[in-house]
C-alpha atoms as a PDB file:
ATOM      1  CA  THR A   1     239.409  34.748  30.276  1.00  0.00           C
ATOM      2  CA  SER A   2     242.729  36.125  29.067  1.00  0.00           C
ATOM      3  CA  THR A   3     246.237  36.203  30.486  1.00  0.00           C
ATOM      4  CA  ASP A   4     247.174  39.296  28.408  1.00  0.00           C
ATOM      5  CA  ILE A   5     246.181  42.452  30.339  1.00  0.00           C
ATOM      6  CA  GLU A   6     246.031  44.689  27.230  1.00  0.00           C
ATOM      7  CA  SER A   7     243.481  42.477  25.454  1.00  0.00           C
ATOM      8  CA  ALA A   8     241.424  41.321  28.433  1.00  0.00           C
ATOM      9  CA  THR A   9     237.780  42.275  28.933  1.00  0.00           C
ATOM     10  CA  TRP A  10     236.796  43.367  32.412  1.00  0.00           C
ATOM     11  CA  GLU A  11     233.370  43.824  33.959  1.00  0.00           C
ATOM     12  CA  VAL A  12     232.752  45.990  37.038  1.00  0.00           C
ATOM     13  CA  THR A  13     229.667  45.337  39.126  1.00  0.00           C
ATOM     14  CA  ASN A  14     228.322  46.930  42.282  1.00  0.00           C
ATOM     15  CA  CYS A  15     230.266  50.215  42.011  1.00  0.00           C
ATOM     16  CA  LEU A  16     229.135  52.681  44.671  1.00  0.00           C
ATOM     17  CA  VAL A  17     230.320  56.279  45.248  1.00  0.00           C
ATOM     18  CA  MET A  18     229.762  57.310  48.850  1.00  0.00           C
ATOM     19  CA  GLY A  19     230.622  61.021  48.619  1.00  0.00           C
ATOM     20  CA  VAL A  20     232.644  63.726  46.943  1.00  0.00           C
ATOM     21  CA  LEU A  21     235.800  65.134  48.485  1.00  0.00           C
ATOM     22  CA  LYS A  22     236.490  68.802  47.785  1.00  0.00           C
ATOM     23  CA  THR A  23     240.126  69.687  47.203  1.00  0.00           C
ATOM     24  CA  GLY A  24     240.059  73.100  48.839  1.00  0.00           C
ATOM     25  CA  ILE A  25     241.102  74.948  45.703  1.00  0.00           C
ATOM     26  CA  GLN A  26     238.825  77.944  45.384  1.00  0.00           C
ATOM     27  CA  GLN A  27     237.435  78.962  42.005  1.00  0.00           C
ATOM     28  CA  ASN A  28     238.161  82.665  41.574  1.00  0.00           C
ATOM     29  CA  ASP A  29     235.774  84.874  39.670  1.00  0.00           C
ATOM     30  CA  VAL A  30     237.300  86.991  36.941  1.00  0.00           C
ATOM     31  CA  VAL A  31     236.632  90.648  37.666  1.00  0.00           C
ATOM     32  CA  ASP A  32     237.482  93.397  35.216  1.00  0.00           C
ATOM     33  CA  LEU A  33     238.311  96.870  36.449  1.00  0.00           C
ATOM     34  CA  VAL A  34     237.627  99.571  33.881  1.00  0.00           C
ATOM     35  CA  VAL A  35     239.395 102.869  34.589  1.00  0.00           C
ATOM     36  CA  TYR A  36     239.351 105.722  32.047  1.00  0.00           C
ATOM     37  CA  PRO A  37     240.879 107.902  30.787  1.00  0.00           C
ATOM     38  CA  ASN A  38     244.309 106.462  31.368  1.00  0.00           C
ATOM     39  CA  PRO A  39     246.577 108.408  31.588  1.00  0.00           C
ATOM     40  CA  ALA A  40     244.463 110.949  33.469  1.00  0.00           C
ATOM     41  CA  SER A  41     245.083 114.362  34.961  1.00  0.00           C
ATOM     42  CA  ASN A  42     242.152 115.861  36.900  1.00  0.00           C
ATOM     43  CA  GLN A  43     239.614 113.049  37.075  1.00  0.00           C
ATOM     44  CA  VAL A  44     239.233 109.354  36.350  1.00  0.00           C
ATOM     45  CA  THR A  45     236.070 107.284  35.937  1.00  0.00           C
ATOM     46  CA  VAL A  46     235.814 103.832  37.511  1.00  0.00           C
ATOM     47  CA  LEU A  47     233.133 101.413  36.302  1.00  0.00           C
ATOM     48  CA  ALA A  48     231.813  99.195  39.096  1.00  0.00           C
ATOM     49  CA  ASP A  49     229.645  96.072  38.749  1.00  0.00           C
ATOM     50  CA  GLU A  50     228.084  96.768  42.159  1.00  0.00           C
ATOM     51  CA  ASP A  51     228.662  98.856  45.283  1.00  0.00           C
ATOM     52  CA  ALA A  52     232.306  98.627  46.320  1.00  0.00           C
ATOM     53  CA  GLN A  53     235.331 100.388  47.785  1.00  0.00           C
ATOM     54  CA  VAL A  54     238.016 101.848  45.485  1.00  0.00           C
ATOM     55  CA  MET A  55     241.527 102.494  46.739  1.00  0.00           C
ATOM     56  CA  ILE A  56     244.254 104.385  44.913  1.00  0.00           C
ATOM     57  CA  ILE A  57     247.653 103.092  45.987  1.00  0.00           C
ATOM     58  CA  ASN A  58     251.060 104.599  45.246  1.00  0.00           C
ATOM     59  CA  LEU A  59     253.980 102.418  44.195  1.00  0.00           C
ATOM     60  CA  MET A  60     255.289 102.378  47.772  1.00  0.00           C
ATOM     61  CA  GLY A  61     252.129 100.463  48.738  1.00  0.00           C
ATOM     62  CA  GLN A  62     250.497 103.359  50.569  1.00  0.00           C
ATOM     63  CA  THR A  63     246.773 103.930  50.113  1.00  0.00           C
ATOM     64  CA  VAL A  64     246.528 107.604  49.169  1.00  0.00           C
ATOM     65  CA  LYS A  65     242.801 107.767  48.463  1.00  0.00           C
ATOM     66  CA  THR A  66     239.769 105.644  49.391  1.00  0.00           C
ATOM     67  CA  VAL A  67     236.404 106.225  47.731  1.00  0.00           C
ATOM     68  CA  PRO A  68     233.123 104.315  48.085  1.00  0.00           C
ATOM     69  CA  VAL A  69     231.544 103.654  44.670  1.00  0.00           C
ATOM     70  CA  VAL A  70     228.160 102.472  43.436  1.00  0.00           C
ATOM     71  CA  LYS A  71     227.163 100.302  40.496  1.00  0.00           C
ATOM     72  CA  GLY A  72     227.918 102.099  37.230  1.00  0.00           C
ATOM     73  CA  ALA A  73     230.248 104.980  36.335  1.00  0.00           C
ATOM     74  CA  ASN A  74     231.950 106.751  39.250  1.00  0.00           C
ATOM     75  CA  PRO A  75     234.053 109.901  38.705  1.00  0.00           C
ATOM     76  CA  ILE A  76     237.008 110.236  41.090  1.00  0.00           C
ATOM     77  CA  ALA A  77     238.955 113.492  41.439  1.00  0.00           C
ATOM     78  CA  LEU A  78     242.737 113.215  41.101  1.00  0.00           C
ATOM     79  CA  THR A  79     243.719 116.848  41.720  1.00  0.00           C
ATOM     80  CA  ASP A  80     245.207 115.978  45.125  1.00  0.00           C
ATOM     81  CA  LEU A  81     247.603 113.375  43.633  1.00  0.00           C
ATOM     82  CA  THR A  82     251.085 114.067  42.310  1.00  0.00           C
ATOM     83  CA  ASN A  83     252.085 112.928  38.833  1.00  0.00           C
ATOM     84  CA  GLY A  84     253.137 109.299  38.619  1.00  0.00           C
ATOM     85  CA  MET A  85     252.007 105.690  38.449  1.00  0.00           C
ATOM     86  CA  TYR A  86     249.351 104.373  40.830  1.00  0.00           C
ATOM     87  CA  LEU A  87     247.362 101.190  41.336  1.00  0.00           C
ATOM     88  CA  VAL A  88     243.573 101.344  41.429  1.00  0.00           C
ATOM     89  CA  LYS A  89     242.089  98.540  43.520  1.00  0.00           C
ATOM     90  CA  ILE A  90     238.386  97.748  43.823  1.00  0.00           C
ATOM     91  CA  ASP A  91     237.061  95.555  46.639  1.00  0.00           C
ATOM     92  CA  TYR A  92     233.534  94.202  46.255  1.00  0.00           C
ATOM     93  CA  LYS A  93     231.423  93.160  49.233  1.00  0.00           C
ATOM     94  CA  ASN A  94     231.407  89.526  48.037  1.00  0.00           C
ATOM     95  CA  GLY A  95     235.201  89.373  48.491  1.00  0.00           C
ATOM     96  CA  THR A  96     236.304  89.740  44.870  1.00  0.00           C
ATOM     97  CA  THR A  97     239.052  92.212  44.083  1.00  0.00           C
ATOM     98  CA  ALA A  98     240.507  93.700  40.925  1.00  0.00           C
ATOM     99  CA  VAL A  99     243.554  95.901  40.349  1.00  0.00           C
ATOM    100  CA  ASN A 100     244.526  98.115  37.424  1.00  0.00           C
ATOM    101  CA  ARG A 101     247.331 100.597  36.777  1.00  0.00           C
ATOM    102  CA  LEU A 102     246.704 104.330  36.490  1.00  0.00           C
ATOM    103  CA  MET A 103     249.062 107.014  35.212  1.00  0.00           C
ATOM    104  CA  VAL A 104     248.426 110.491  36.621  1.00  0.00           C
ATOM    105  CA  LYS A 105     250.011 113.310  34.628  1.00  0.00           C
END
């Protein structure tokens, strides 16, 4: 037995864990969005890990184009877009999302 807490030896017996409490903080998957070429003029290619929905959004937050894509390389025509900066957003069916910038010139 010791009266000094720093040098005392302690023994724990009968320790029982009844359950695990989750904190509610969700682990987010890292999703890459590959868009090329960038800058682009007539067409851009989006690489998708699986079937998904791609949205092209202008800098005012308006969705100007929505395209369903499949796993692999997906060409998307840009001829109907004016020159400028856009955001390319991909939404997968499992709830993951990725965003990348795109310059149309």
